[in-house]
N, C-alpha and C. Protein backbone atom coordinates (compact mmCIF):
# COMPACT_ATOMS: atom_id res chain seq x y z
N MET A 1 -3.82 12.76 -7.04
CA MET A 1 -4.52 12.28 -5.88
C MET A 1 -4.07 12.87 -4.65
N ARG A 2 -4.42 13.74 -3.43
CA ARG A 2 -3.79 14.47 -2.40
C ARG A 2 -3.83 14.02 -1.46
N PHE A 3 -2.95 13.53 -0.54
CA PHE A 3 -2.98 13.25 0.97
C PHE A 3 -2.73 13.96 1.84
N ARG A 4 -3.60 14.53 3.01
CA ARG A 4 -3.60 15.26 3.89
C ARG A 4 -2.82 14.49 5.16
N PRO A 5 -1.29 15.25 6.00
CA PRO A 5 -0.95 14.49 6.80
C PRO A 5 -1.84 14.43 8.24
N ARG A 6 -2.05 13.34 8.95
CA ARG A 6 -2.73 13.18 10.37
C ARG A 6 -1.80 13.86 10.97
N PRO A 7 -2.47 14.45 12.33
CA PRO A 7 -1.86 14.97 13.51
C PRO A 7 -1.07 13.72 14.17
N LEU A 8 -0.10 14.31 14.81
CA LEU A 8 0.99 13.58 15.28
C LEU A 8 1.30 13.90 17.01
N ASN A 9 0.94 13.27 18.58
CA ASN A 9 1.61 13.86 19.36
C ASN A 9 2.89 13.80 19.07
N THR A 10 3.79 15.23 20.01
CA THR A 10 5.12 15.27 20.04
C THR A 10 5.74 14.37 20.84
N THR A 11 5.10 14.09 21.85
CA THR A 11 5.82 12.97 22.69
C THR A 11 5.91 11.45 22.19
N LEU A 12 7.11 10.94 22.69
CA LEU A 12 7.04 9.46 22.38
C LEU A 12 6.21 8.90 23.24
N GLY A 13 5.73 8.64 24.28
CA GLY A 13 5.23 8.44 25.00
C GLY A 13 3.73 8.21 24.56
N HIS A 14 3.17 9.26 23.66
CA HIS A 14 1.62 8.97 23.30
C HIS A 14 1.68 8.66 21.85
N LEU A 15 2.77 8.01 21.28
CA LEU A 15 2.62 7.38 20.06
C LEU A 15 1.88 6.34 20.11
N GLN A 16 0.81 6.22 18.84
CA GLN A 16 0.16 4.90 19.29
C GLN A 16 0.91 3.94 18.33
N PRO A 17 0.55 2.66 18.88
CA PRO A 17 1.47 1.48 18.27
C PRO A 17 0.77 1.47 16.87
N PRO A 18 1.60 1.05 15.81
CA PRO A 18 1.34 1.17 14.44
C PRO A 18 0.94 -0.45 14.22
N ARG A 19 -0.15 -0.63 13.31
CA ARG A 19 -0.46 -1.86 12.85
C ARG A 19 0.64 -2.28 12.22
N SER A 20 0.66 -3.76 12.00
CA SER A 20 1.54 -4.52 11.46
C SER A 20 1.30 -4.27 9.88
N ALA A 21 2.58 -4.62 8.91
CA ALA A 21 2.19 -4.38 7.74
C ALA A 21 1.23 -5.89 7.01
N THR A 22 1.64 -7.26 7.82
CA THR A 22 1.05 -8.29 7.65
C THR A 22 -0.46 -7.93 7.81
N CYS A 23 -0.87 -7.22 8.97
CA CYS A 23 -2.32 -6.81 9.13
C CYS A 23 -2.86 -5.90 8.00
N MET A 24 -2.24 -5.15 7.46
CA MET A 24 -2.81 -4.30 6.68
C MET A 24 -2.58 -4.89 5.19
N GLU A 25 -1.65 -5.79 4.98
CA GLU A 25 -2.03 -6.65 3.62
C GLU A 25 -3.06 -7.76 3.90
N LYS A 26 -3.44 -8.54 4.85
CA LYS A 26 -4.25 -9.30 4.98
C LYS A 26 -5.90 -8.48 4.93
N GLU A 27 -6.03 -7.30 5.91
CA GLU A 27 -7.15 -6.82 5.53
C GLU A 27 -7.66 -6.35 4.02
N ILE A 28 -6.76 -5.73 3.15
CA ILE A 28 -6.79 -5.81 2.09
C ILE A 28 -7.33 -6.62 0.99
N ILE A 29 -6.21 -7.65 1.24
CA ILE A 29 -6.84 -9.14 0.33
C ILE A 29 -8.01 -9.35 0.82
N VAL A 30 -8.19 -9.84 2.30
CA VAL A 30 -9.52 -10.41 2.43
C VAL A 30 -10.85 -9.49 2.11
N ALA A 31 -10.53 -8.19 1.95
CA ALA A 31 -11.68 -7.16 1.08
C ALA A 31 -11.96 -7.50 -0.24
N LEU A 32 -10.54 -7.82 -0.88
CA LEU A 32 -10.83 -7.59 -2.22
C LEU A 32 -11.36 -9.02 -2.55
N GLY A 33 -10.60 -10.15 -1.54
CA GLY A 33 -11.24 -11.46 -2.18
C GLY A 33 -13.28 -11.52 -1.25
N SER A 34 -13.16 -11.31 -0.87
CA SER A 34 -14.81 -10.97 -0.37
C SER A 34 -15.69 -10.35 -1.46
N SER A 35 -15.04 -9.24 -2.37
CA SER A 35 -15.60 -8.52 -3.01
C SER A 35 -15.65 -9.40 -4.25
N ILE A 36 -14.78 -10.16 -4.85
CA ILE A 36 -14.40 -10.98 -5.77
C ILE A 36 -15.45 -12.04 -5.81
N ALA A 37 -15.15 -12.41 -4.40
CA ALA A 37 -16.47 -14.11 -4.33
C ALA A 37 -17.81 -13.57 -4.59
N SER A 38 -18.40 -12.43 -4.08
CA SER A 38 -19.46 -11.91 -4.12
C SER A 38 -19.87 -11.85 -5.79
N LEU A 39 -18.80 -11.29 -6.33
CA LEU A 39 -19.12 -11.04 -7.79
C LEU A 39 -19.18 -12.49 -8.51
N LEU A 40 -18.41 -13.46 -7.89
CA LEU A 40 -18.36 -14.81 -8.28
C LEU A 40 -19.79 -15.70 -8.56
N VAL A 41 -20.41 -15.03 -7.46
CA VAL A 41 -21.14 -15.87 -7.22
C VAL A 41 -23.00 -14.96 -8.05
N ALA A 42 -22.36 -14.07 -8.48
CA ALA A 42 -23.28 -13.23 -9.29
C ALA A 42 -23.31 -13.95 -10.25
N ALA A 43 -21.94 -13.89 -11.07
CA ALA A 43 -21.38 -14.51 -12.31
C ALA A 43 -22.06 -15.68 -12.51
N LEU A 44 -22.08 -16.59 -11.35
CA LEU A 44 -22.59 -18.05 -11.84
C LEU A 44 -24.03 -18.09 -11.56
N ALA A 45 -24.61 -17.12 -11.18
CA ALA A 45 -25.84 -17.52 -10.68
C ALA A 45 -26.95 -16.74 -12.37
N LEU A 46 -25.79 -15.80 -12.66
CA LEU A 46 -25.87 -15.25 -14.14
C LEU A 46 -26.38 -16.49 -15.46
N TRP A 47 -25.07 -17.25 -15.08
CA TRP A 47 -24.80 -18.23 -15.86
C TRP A 47 -25.62 -19.30 -15.87
N GLN A 48 -25.89 -19.40 -14.69
CA GLN A 48 -26.96 -20.60 -14.74
C GLN A 48 -28.37 -20.33 -15.04
N SER A 49 -28.55 -19.06 -14.81
CA SER A 49 -30.15 -18.49 -15.40
C SER A 49 -30.21 -18.24 -16.92
N SER A 50 -28.84 -18.60 -17.67
CA SER A 50 -28.75 -18.24 -19.07
C SER A 50 -29.44 -19.32 -19.68
N ARG A 51 -30.35 -18.81 -20.99
CA ARG A 51 -31.23 -19.74 -21.79
C ARG A 51 -30.39 -20.14 -23.02
N THR A 52 -29.48 -19.52 -23.10
CA THR A 52 -28.78 -19.63 -24.48
C THR A 52 -26.98 -19.71 -24.39
N THR A 53 -26.76 -20.72 -25.44
CA THR A 53 -25.57 -21.03 -25.69
C THR A 53 -24.63 -19.62 -25.67
N ARG A 54 -24.84 -18.98 -26.10
CA ARG A 54 -23.83 -17.70 -26.41
C ARG A 54 -23.98 -16.96 -25.00
N ARG A 55 -24.94 -16.52 -24.46
CA ARG A 55 -25.08 -15.79 -23.09
C ARG A 55 -24.44 -16.69 -22.09
N GLN A 56 -24.15 -18.00 -22.38
CA GLN A 56 -23.36 -18.80 -21.04
C GLN A 56 -22.01 -18.69 -21.38
N ALA A 57 -21.59 -18.58 -22.89
CA ALA A 57 -20.18 -18.58 -23.39
C ALA A 57 -19.76 -16.96 -22.70
N ALA A 58 -20.40 -15.74 -22.88
CA ALA A 58 -19.78 -14.81 -22.51
C ALA A 58 -19.86 -14.51 -20.84
N THR A 59 -20.74 -15.21 -20.49
CA THR A 59 -20.69 -15.37 -18.79
C THR A 59 -19.29 -15.94 -18.62
N GLN A 60 -19.18 -17.09 -19.10
CA GLN A 60 -17.90 -17.59 -18.92
C GLN A 60 -16.68 -17.31 -19.07
N LYS A 61 -16.46 -16.25 -19.99
CA LYS A 61 -15.51 -15.29 -20.31
C LYS A 61 -15.13 -14.54 -19.19
N ALA A 62 -16.46 -13.87 -18.97
CA ALA A 62 -16.42 -12.77 -17.46
C ALA A 62 -15.97 -13.55 -16.05
N VAL A 63 -16.66 -14.82 -16.09
CA VAL A 63 -15.81 -15.52 -14.53
C VAL A 63 -14.68 -15.62 -14.93
N ALA A 64 -14.01 -16.37 -16.13
CA ALA A 64 -12.32 -16.20 -16.24
C ALA A 64 -11.68 -15.25 -15.96
N ALA A 65 -12.12 -14.08 -16.57
CA ALA A 65 -11.58 -12.65 -16.34
C ALA A 65 -11.52 -12.22 -14.83
N LEU A 66 -12.52 -12.47 -14.07
CA LEU A 66 -12.61 -12.03 -12.64
C LEU A 66 -11.81 -12.85 -11.86
N GLN A 67 -11.73 -14.06 -12.40
CA GLN A 67 -10.61 -15.04 -11.47
C GLN A 67 -9.01 -14.43 -11.88
N ALA A 68 -9.13 -14.35 -13.19
CA ALA A 68 -7.48 -13.91 -13.50
C ALA A 68 -7.09 -12.52 -12.97
N GLY A 69 -8.16 -11.44 -12.79
CA GLY A 69 -7.96 -10.63 -12.13
C GLY A 69 -7.66 -10.50 -10.76
N SER A 70 -8.58 -11.43 -10.01
CA SER A 70 -8.00 -11.67 -8.40
C SER A 70 -6.75 -12.17 -8.18
N GLU A 71 -6.06 -13.03 -9.44
CA GLU A 71 -4.71 -13.25 -8.79
C GLU A 71 -4.04 -12.46 -9.60
N ALA A 72 -4.10 -11.50 -10.14
CA ALA A 72 -3.34 -10.59 -10.75
C ALA A 72 -2.79 -9.20 -9.80
N ALA A 73 -4.17 -9.00 -9.21
CA ALA A 73 -4.16 -7.94 -8.16
C ALA A 73 -3.12 -8.21 -6.70
N LYS A 74 -3.19 -9.97 -6.55
CA LYS A 74 -2.47 -10.25 -5.18
C LYS A 74 -1.05 -9.63 -5.31
N PRO A 75 -0.09 -10.23 -6.37
CA PRO A 75 1.34 -9.36 -5.89
C PRO A 75 1.10 -7.88 -6.04
N VAL A 76 0.49 -6.99 -6.47
CA VAL A 76 0.28 -5.46 -6.57
C VAL A 76 0.17 -5.18 -5.20
N LEU A 77 -0.80 -5.69 -4.40
CA LEU A 77 -1.20 -5.47 -2.98
C LEU A 77 -0.06 -5.97 -2.15
N ALA A 78 0.81 -7.35 -2.40
CA ALA A 78 1.91 -7.28 -1.76
C ALA A 78 2.66 -6.78 -1.70
N SER A 79 3.01 -5.98 -2.85
CA SER A 79 4.18 -5.32 -3.21
C SER A 79 4.11 -3.93 -2.38
N VAL A 80 3.04 -3.34 -2.21
CA VAL A 80 2.67 -2.40 -1.51
C VAL A 80 2.87 -2.37 0.03
N SER A 81 2.52 -3.53 0.56
CA SER A 81 2.13 -4.07 1.51
C SER A 81 3.69 -3.82 2.09
N SER A 82 4.40 -4.65 1.40
CA SER A 82 5.98 -4.45 1.65
C SER A 82 6.56 -3.21 1.81
N ALA A 83 6.04 -2.29 0.79
CA ALA A 83 6.81 -1.06 1.42
C ALA A 83 6.47 -0.20 2.39
N TRP A 84 5.05 -0.80 2.79
CA TRP A 84 4.06 -0.06 3.77
C TRP A 84 5.23 -0.32 5.26
N ALA A 85 5.97 -1.56 4.72
CA ALA A 85 6.66 -2.08 6.44
C ALA A 85 7.70 -1.63 6.14
N ASP A 86 8.34 -1.37 4.90
CA ASP A 86 9.51 -0.48 5.19
C ASP A 86 9.67 0.87 5.61
N VAL A 87 8.78 1.32 5.37
CA VAL A 87 8.26 3.01 5.58
C VAL A 87 8.33 2.67 7.38
N GLN A 88 7.33 1.76 7.78
CA GLN A 88 7.38 1.66 8.97
C GLN A 88 8.89 1.08 10.16
N LYS A 89 9.61 0.72 9.12
CA LYS A 89 10.69 0.10 9.70
C LYS A 89 11.74 1.84 10.18
N ILE A 90 11.73 2.43 8.93
CA ILE A 90 12.06 3.75 9.12
C ILE A 90 12.04 4.57 10.24
N LYS A 91 10.48 4.18 10.43
CA LYS A 91 10.17 5.13 11.79
C LYS A 91 10.54 4.55 13.22
N HIS A 92 10.80 3.50 12.99
CA HIS A 92 11.04 2.40 14.05
C HIS A 92 12.77 2.96 14.14
N ALA A 93 13.29 3.30 13.24
CA ALA A 93 15.10 3.38 13.52
C ALA A 93 14.67 4.96 13.67
N LEU A 94 13.81 5.75 13.55
CA LEU A 94 14.04 7.38 13.97
C LEU A 94 13.49 7.03 15.42
N ASP A 95 12.62 6.35 16.31
CA ASP A 95 12.11 6.14 17.54
C ASP A 95 13.70 5.75 18.33
N ILE A 96 14.35 5.02 17.84
CA ILE A 96 15.69 4.84 18.19
C ILE A 96 16.47 5.50 18.51
N CYS A 97 16.65 6.70 17.88
CA CYS A 97 17.41 7.72 17.88
C CYS A 97 16.86 9.03 18.51
N LEU A 98 15.59 8.61 18.92
CA LEU A 98 14.61 9.54 19.93
C LEU A 98 14.73 9.39 21.29
N ALA A 99 15.02 7.98 21.72
CA ALA A 99 14.96 7.31 22.57
C ALA A 99 16.09 8.26 23.31
N ALA A 100 15.59 8.19 24.78
CA ALA A 100 16.64 8.95 25.91
C ALA A 100 17.85 7.96 25.96
N GLY A 101 18.96 8.91 25.99
CA GLY A 101 20.17 8.24 26.06
C GLY A 101 21.10 7.75 24.77
N ARG A 102 20.31 7.91 23.97
CA ARG A 102 20.68 7.47 22.55
C ARG A 102 21.64 6.54 22.40
N LYS A 103 21.53 5.02 22.96
CA LYS A 103 22.72 4.40 22.75
C LYS A 103 22.56 3.27 22.04
N ASP A 104 21.86 3.33 20.80
CA ASP A 104 21.61 2.28 19.88
C ASP A 104 21.56 2.92 18.54
N ASP A 105 22.69 4.05 18.41
CA ASP A 105 22.73 4.80 17.30
C ASP A 105 22.91 3.76 15.62
N ASP A 106 23.84 3.16 16.16
CA ASP A 106 24.61 2.14 15.32
C ASP A 106 23.26 1.21 14.76
N ALA A 107 22.42 0.45 15.69
CA ALA A 107 21.39 -0.22 15.44
C ALA A 107 20.58 0.73 14.58
N ALA A 108 20.41 2.18 15.04
CA ALA A 108 19.08 2.76 14.26
C ALA A 108 19.34 2.76 12.94
N ILE A 109 21.27 2.99 12.67
CA ILE A 109 21.35 3.34 11.26
C ILE A 109 21.29 1.91 10.33
N GLU A 110 21.80 0.95 10.93
CA GLU A 110 21.38 -0.23 10.39
C GLU A 110 20.02 -0.54 9.66
N ILE A 111 19.00 -0.35 10.67
CA ILE A 111 17.70 -0.37 10.25
C ILE A 111 17.34 0.27 9.05
N LEU A 112 17.90 1.64 9.50
CA LEU A 112 17.49 2.59 8.27
C LEU A 112 17.72 2.07 6.98
N ASP A 113 19.11 1.76 6.90
CA ASP A 113 19.74 1.50 5.54
C ASP A 113 19.31 0.30 4.83
N GLY A 114 18.90 -0.89 5.83
CA GLY A 114 17.87 -1.83 5.19
C GLY A 114 16.86 -1.42 4.55
N ALA A 115 15.98 -0.86 5.69
CA ALA A 115 14.97 -0.32 4.92
C ALA A 115 14.75 0.66 4.04
N VAL A 116 15.37 1.44 3.93
CA VAL A 116 15.73 2.45 2.32
C VAL A 116 16.29 1.87 0.98
N ASP A 117 17.14 0.75 1.62
CA ASP A 117 17.65 0.17 0.04
C ASP A 117 16.55 -0.93 -0.21
N SER A 118 15.49 -1.52 0.69
CA SER A 118 14.35 -2.37 0.13
C SER A 118 13.35 -1.43 -0.62
N LEU A 119 13.16 -0.25 0.16
CA LEU A 119 12.23 0.48 -0.58
C LEU A 119 12.27 0.87 -1.92
N VAL A 120 13.96 1.26 -1.82
CA VAL A 120 14.27 1.32 -3.63
C VAL A 120 14.28 0.75 -4.47
N ALA A 121 14.81 -0.72 -4.13
CA ALA A 121 14.79 -1.81 -4.86
C ALA A 121 13.24 -2.48 -5.36
N GLY A 122 12.22 -2.14 -4.13
CA GLY A 122 10.75 -2.74 -4.26
C GLY A 122 10.28 -1.92 -5.61
N TYR A 123 10.99 -0.34 -5.45
CA TYR A 123 10.08 0.32 -6.51
C TYR A 123 10.98 0.44 -7.42
N GLU A 124 11.90 0.03 -7.83
CA GLU A 124 12.53 -0.06 -9.09
C GLU A 124 12.07 -1.64 -9.77
N GLN A 125 11.65 -2.53 -8.98
CA GLN A 125 11.01 -3.74 -9.55
C GLN A 125 9.79 -3.82 -9.57
N ARG A 126 8.77 -3.34 -8.84
CA ARG A 126 7.65 -3.07 -8.92
C ARG A 126 6.81 -2.07 -9.57
N GLY A 127 7.58 -1.29 -9.35
CA GLY A 127 7.21 0.35 -9.70
C GLY A 127 5.79 0.50 -11.32
N VAL A 128 6.76 0.15 -12.07
CA VAL A 128 6.13 -0.21 -13.08
C VAL A 128 4.85 -0.80 -13.54
N ASP A 129 4.16 -1.71 -12.56
CA ASP A 129 3.44 -2.64 -12.74
C ASP A 129 2.19 -1.52 -11.92
N LEU A 130 2.30 -0.52 -10.95
CA LEU A 130 1.36 0.51 -10.32
C LEU A 130 0.69 1.12 -10.71
N PRO A 131 -0.43 0.99 -10.71
CA PRO A 131 -1.39 2.39 -11.47
C PRO A 131 -0.59 3.69 -11.03
N GLU A 132 -0.68 4.88 -11.31
CA GLU A 132 -0.18 5.93 -10.98
C GLU A 132 -0.19 6.48 -9.97
N TYR A 133 -1.51 6.29 -9.07
CA TYR A 133 -1.77 7.11 -7.78
C TYR A 133 -0.94 6.46 -6.86
N LEU A 134 -0.52 4.83 -7.08
CA LEU A 134 0.16 4.29 -5.83
C LEU A 134 1.69 4.44 -6.24
N LYS A 135 1.70 4.79 -7.57
CA LYS A 135 3.44 5.03 -8.10
C LYS A 135 3.81 6.16 -7.40
N ALA A 136 3.20 7.21 -7.35
CA ALA A 136 3.65 8.21 -7.04
C ALA A 136 3.75 8.52 -5.15
N VAL A 137 3.12 7.60 -4.72
CA VAL A 137 3.04 7.57 -3.31
C VAL A 137 4.56 6.87 -2.80
N TRP A 138 4.52 5.95 -3.44
CA TRP A 138 6.00 4.96 -3.68
C TRP A 138 7.03 5.58 -3.58
N HIS A 139 7.12 6.47 -4.95
CA HIS A 139 8.25 7.28 -5.63
C HIS A 139 8.75 8.21 -4.42
N GLU A 140 7.52 8.63 -3.62
CA GLU A 140 7.90 9.80 -2.81
C GLU A 140 8.32 9.49 -1.49
N ALA A 141 7.66 7.82 -1.14
CA ALA A 141 8.35 7.65 0.12
C ALA A 141 9.82 7.10 0.08
N LYS A 142 10.20 6.66 -1.25
CA LYS A 142 11.53 6.30 -1.90
C LYS A 142 12.30 7.38 -1.73
N ASN A 143 12.06 8.62 -2.25
CA ASN A 143 12.97 9.90 -2.21
C ASN A 143 13.23 10.24 -0.80
N HIS A 144 12.02 10.25 0.10
CA HIS A 144 11.96 10.55 1.50
C HIS A 144 12.78 9.86 2.14
N GLY A 145 12.90 8.49 2.03
CA GLY A 145 14.13 7.54 2.65
C GLY A 145 15.30 8.08 2.51
N ILE A 146 15.39 8.40 0.91
CA ILE A 146 16.87 8.54 0.64
C ILE A 146 17.57 9.56 1.30
N SER A 147 16.51 10.96 1.28
CA SER A 147 17.34 12.39 1.88
C SER A 147 17.27 12.20 3.49
N LEU A 148 15.97 11.51 4.01
CA LEU A 148 16.17 11.14 5.84
C LEU A 148 17.50 10.45 6.12
N ARG A 149 17.70 9.30 5.49
CA ARG A 149 19.05 8.63 5.71
C ARG A 149 20.31 9.33 5.78
N ALA A 150 20.54 10.29 4.65
CA ALA A 150 21.41 11.02 4.46
C ALA A 150 21.65 12.22 5.81
N SER A 151 20.43 13.10 6.26
CA SER A 151 20.62 14.10 7.27
C SER A 151 20.47 12.81 8.82
N VAL A 152 19.82 12.28 8.56
CA VAL A 152 19.89 11.17 9.77
C VAL A 152 21.69 11.04 10.15
N ARG A 153 21.97 10.30 9.25
CA ARG A 153 23.72 9.99 9.76
C ARG A 153 24.93 11.55 9.58
N LEU A 154 24.33 12.45 9.03
CA LEU A 154 24.82 13.56 9.13
C LEU A 154 24.67 14.30 11.05
N GLN A 155 23.04 14.36 11.07
CA GLN A 155 22.76 14.74 12.39
C GLN A 155 23.44 14.13 13.57
N LEU A 156 23.57 12.47 13.44
CA LEU A 156 24.40 11.84 14.39
C LEU A 156 25.53 11.77 14.74
N ARG A 157 26.29 12.32 13.41
CA ARG A 157 27.65 12.18 13.46
C ARG A 157 28.08 13.67 14.37
N ASP A 158 27.48 14.60 13.95
CA ASP A 158 27.82 15.81 14.83
C ASP A 158 27.70 15.84 16.13
N LEU A 159 26.79 15.14 16.51
CA LEU A 159 26.29 15.22 17.85
C LEU A 159 26.92 14.41 18.90
N ALA A 160 27.17 14.74 20.55
CA ALA A 160 27.99 13.83 21.15
C ALA A 160 27.59 12.61 21.13
N GLU A 161 28.28 11.20 21.47
CA GLU A 161 27.96 9.99 21.37
C GLU A 161 26.84 9.54 22.25
N GLU A 162 26.43 10.51 23.35
CA GLU A 162 25.06 9.75 24.02
C GLU A 162 24.84 11.12 24.67
N GLY A 163 23.70 10.99 25.18
CA GLY A 163 22.47 12.08 25.65
C GLY A 163 21.31 12.37 24.80
N CYS A 164 20.62 13.29 25.35
CA CYS A 164 19.36 13.43 24.61
C CYS A 164 19.96 14.24 23.43
N LEU A 165 18.90 14.26 22.39
CA LEU A 165 19.04 14.97 21.50
C LEU A 165 18.78 16.59 21.35
N PRO A 166 19.30 17.31 20.44
CA PRO A 166 18.73 18.84 20.67
C PRO A 166 17.37 18.92 20.16
N GLU A 167 16.96 19.99 20.66
CA GLU A 167 15.13 19.82 20.87
C GLU A 167 14.74 20.23 19.22
N THR A 168 15.89 21.00 18.57
CA THR A 168 15.43 21.34 17.08
C THR A 168 15.75 19.79 16.50
N THR A 169 16.69 19.15 16.77
CA THR A 169 16.89 17.66 16.20
C THR A 169 15.73 16.97 16.42
N ARG A 170 15.14 17.07 17.51
CA ARG A 170 13.72 16.38 17.54
C ARG A 170 12.98 16.35 17.16
N VAL A 171 12.62 17.84 17.22
CA VAL A 171 11.34 18.32 16.49
C VAL A 171 11.16 17.79 14.77
N TRP A 172 12.71 17.92 14.48
CA TRP A 172 12.94 17.86 12.60
C TRP A 172 12.54 16.30 12.39
N MET A 173 13.23 15.20 13.35
CA MET A 173 12.96 13.94 13.38
C MET A 173 11.07 13.65 13.37
N LEU A 174 10.62 14.19 14.71
CA LEU A 174 9.29 13.94 15.11
C LEU A 174 8.78 14.42 13.36
N ASP A 175 8.79 15.99 13.14
CA ASP A 175 8.09 15.80 11.79
C ASP A 175 8.25 15.19 10.70
N ALA A 176 9.42 14.38 10.63
CA ALA A 176 9.93 13.90 9.67
C ALA A 176 9.11 11.96 9.67
N ARG A 177 8.72 11.87 10.87
CA ARG A 177 8.29 10.54 11.29
C ARG A 177 6.91 10.99 10.84
N SER A 178 5.97 12.03 11.45
CA SER A 178 4.60 12.38 10.58
C SER A 178 4.61 11.95 9.13
N ASN A 179 5.66 12.87 8.48
CA ASN A 179 5.32 12.66 7.11
C ASN A 179 5.38 11.30 6.88
N LEU A 180 6.09 10.41 7.40
CA LEU A 180 6.23 8.97 6.77
C LEU A 180 4.85 7.79 7.20
N SER A 181 3.85 8.63 8.23
CA SER A 181 2.90 8.41 8.49
C SER A 181 1.83 8.48 7.47
N ARG A 182 2.10 10.02 7.14
CA ARG A 182 1.18 10.52 5.94
C ARG A 182 1.38 9.29 4.86
N LEU A 183 2.96 9.20 4.21
CA LEU A 183 3.07 8.44 3.05
C LEU A 183 2.29 7.18 3.36
N GLN A 184 2.45 6.16 4.29
CA GLN A 184 1.49 5.11 4.96
C GLN A 184 0.48 5.37 4.83
N SER A 185 -0.44 6.14 5.03
CA SER A 185 -1.92 6.40 4.67
C SER A 185 -2.25 6.20 3.16
N GLY A 186 -1.22 6.90 2.69
CA GLY A 186 -1.43 7.18 1.06
C GLY A 186 -1.06 5.80 0.53
N LEU A 187 -0.38 5.08 1.22
CA LEU A 187 -0.09 3.69 0.60
C LEU A 187 -1.30 2.41 0.79
N GLU A 188 -2.16 3.53 2.36
CA GLU A 188 -3.27 2.11 2.22
C GLU A 188 -4.67 2.71 1.30
N GLU A 189 -4.71 4.32 1.22
CA GLU A 189 -5.68 4.66 0.36
C GLU A 189 -5.40 4.39 -0.85
N GLY A 190 -4.11 4.32 -1.33
CA GLY A 190 -3.92 3.87 -2.74
C GLY A 190 -4.40 2.57 -3.06
N CYS A 191 -3.90 1.28 -2.12
CA CYS A 191 -4.36 0.10 -2.17
C CYS A 191 -5.98 -0.27 -2.26
N GLU A 192 -6.65 0.76 -0.95
CA GLU A 192 -7.95 0.68 -1.39
C GLU A 192 -8.92 0.89 -2.42
N GLN A 193 -8.22 1.98 -2.97
CA GLN A 193 -8.57 2.55 -4.83
C GLN A 193 -8.22 1.83 -5.67
N PHE A 194 -7.18 0.93 -5.40
CA PHE A 194 -6.50 -0.11 -6.35
C PHE A 194 -7.95 -1.34 -6.33
N ARG A 195 -8.03 -1.56 -5.05
CA ARG A 195 -9.30 -2.88 -4.74
C ARG A 195 -10.58 -1.99 -5.61
N LYS A 196 -10.61 -1.02 -5.19
CA LYS A 196 -12.26 -0.77 -5.68
C LYS A 196 -12.13 -0.22 -7.42
N ASP A 197 -11.11 -0.07 -8.00
CA ASP A 197 -10.79 -0.05 -9.38
C ASP A 197 -11.03 -1.62 -9.97
N ALA A 198 -10.37 -2.80 -9.53
CA ALA A 198 -10.38 -3.38 -9.84
C ALA A 198 -11.91 -4.56 -9.86
N ILE A 199 -12.50 -4.18 -8.75
CA ILE A 199 -14.13 -4.87 -8.64
C ILE A 199 -14.75 -4.07 -9.97
N ASP A 200 -14.66 -2.25 -9.61
CA ASP A 200 -15.85 -1.97 -10.52
C ASP A 200 -15.19 -2.43 -12.01
N GLY A 201 -13.91 -2.43 -12.36
CA GLY A 201 -13.43 -2.94 -13.90
C GLY A 201 -14.19 -4.85 -13.96
N VAL A 202 -14.53 -5.45 -13.00
CA VAL A 202 -15.05 -6.76 -13.25
C VAL A 202 -16.63 -6.56 -13.37
N THR A 203 -17.06 -5.96 -12.67
CA THR A 203 -18.21 -5.44 -12.67
C THR A 203 -18.77 -4.93 -13.97
N ASP A 204 -18.23 -3.81 -14.60
CA ASP A 204 -18.54 -3.60 -15.59
C ASP A 204 -18.72 -4.68 -16.66
N LEU A 205 -17.40 -5.46 -16.75
CA LEU A 205 -17.36 -6.49 -17.66
C LEU A 205 -18.61 -7.64 -17.68
N LEU A 206 -18.98 -7.60 -16.13
CA LEU A 206 -19.94 -8.55 -16.44
C LEU A 206 -21.44 -8.30 -17.08
N GLN A 207 -21.36 -6.85 -16.47
CA GLN A 207 -22.59 -6.24 -17.35
C GLN A 207 -22.57 -5.95 -18.79
N ARG A 208 -21.30 -5.84 -19.34
CA ARG A 208 -21.19 -5.94 -20.60
C ARG A 208 -21.91 -7.27 -21.40
N ALA A 209 -21.30 -8.27 -20.34
CA ALA A 209 -21.65 -9.55 -20.79
C ALA A 209 -23.22 -9.73 -20.73
N GLU A 210 -23.76 -9.21 -19.66
CA GLU A 210 -25.24 -9.32 -19.59
C GLU A 210 -25.83 -8.23 -21.08
N ARG A 211 -25.39 -7.68 -21.40
CA ARG A 211 -25.77 -6.61 -22.36
C ARG A 211 -25.96 -7.33 -23.54
N HIS A 212 -24.76 -8.34 -23.53
CA HIS A 212 -24.09 -8.67 -25.04
C HIS A 212 -25.43 -9.64 -25.06
N ALA A 213 -25.43 -10.72 -24.29
CA ALA A 213 -26.12 -11.53 -24.20
C ALA A 213 -27.87 -11.70 -24.37
N THR A 214 -28.10 -10.23 -23.68
CA THR A 214 -29.76 -9.83 -24.31
C THR A 214 -29.68 -9.47 -25.39
N ASP A 215 -28.76 -8.75 -26.34
CA ASP A 215 -28.95 -7.90 -27.55
C ASP A 215 -28.94 -9.52 -28.25
N THR A 216 -28.19 -10.15 -28.06
CA THR A 216 -28.36 -11.54 -29.47
C THR A 216 -29.82 -12.16 -29.59
N LYS A 217 -30.65 -11.60 -28.16
CA LYS A 217 -32.06 -12.55 -28.32
C LYS A 217 -32.84 -11.57 -29.25
N LYS A 218 -32.41 -10.27 -29.38
CA LYS A 218 -33.51 -9.35 -30.09
C LYS A 218 -33.43 -9.75 -31.22
N PRO A 219 -34.89 -9.98 -32.19
CA PRO A 219 -35.17 -10.15 -33.44
C PRO A 219 -34.11 -8.86 -34.43
N THR A 220 -33.53 -9.75 -35.30
CA THR A 220 -33.10 -9.10 -36.53
C THR A 220 -34.00 -8.09 -37.47
């Protein structure tokens, strides 16, 4: 699965304010919930129209699987939302470094350390539960965060205590920020794919339940 970077303006004054992680999580979970609710309605309608006990049993199993899948999806989406928020904090740390005067370098390092540590810990705890396309993006974000933290520390240590960053450092940080935005887009797209796969899987389950019920009615 390939993700293309989005264009980014090179001046901080034109950076668009990002959506919050909470907003992203709510959008994804609401979309998942709406799709699952629609399937539940369809499943219940199928059950109510069933004429055989065997068909009702098959449909009930599909409904139970649908509800279980909905609950299983929530922690995955929540953990990826947390990773998205950690990447956003890293971007915020870069914004502090890029600000005129550079009076808050220590605050930027503190934010950067916390965000990278959280990104690494989250991947270690939840990465095994993720589908490959989400795991790959989170893994890349984790490694990028680790490398970025070391580079930022080195850059700030070698610069004067205050004053604007050299142009080469500004360009490097803006490029790093753009790459972080690309990774956030990858996490969002991965969540949407996860939602789609979950819904497709349940839809297939309902269709198989319907076919099974139909087959049992055929004369032998």
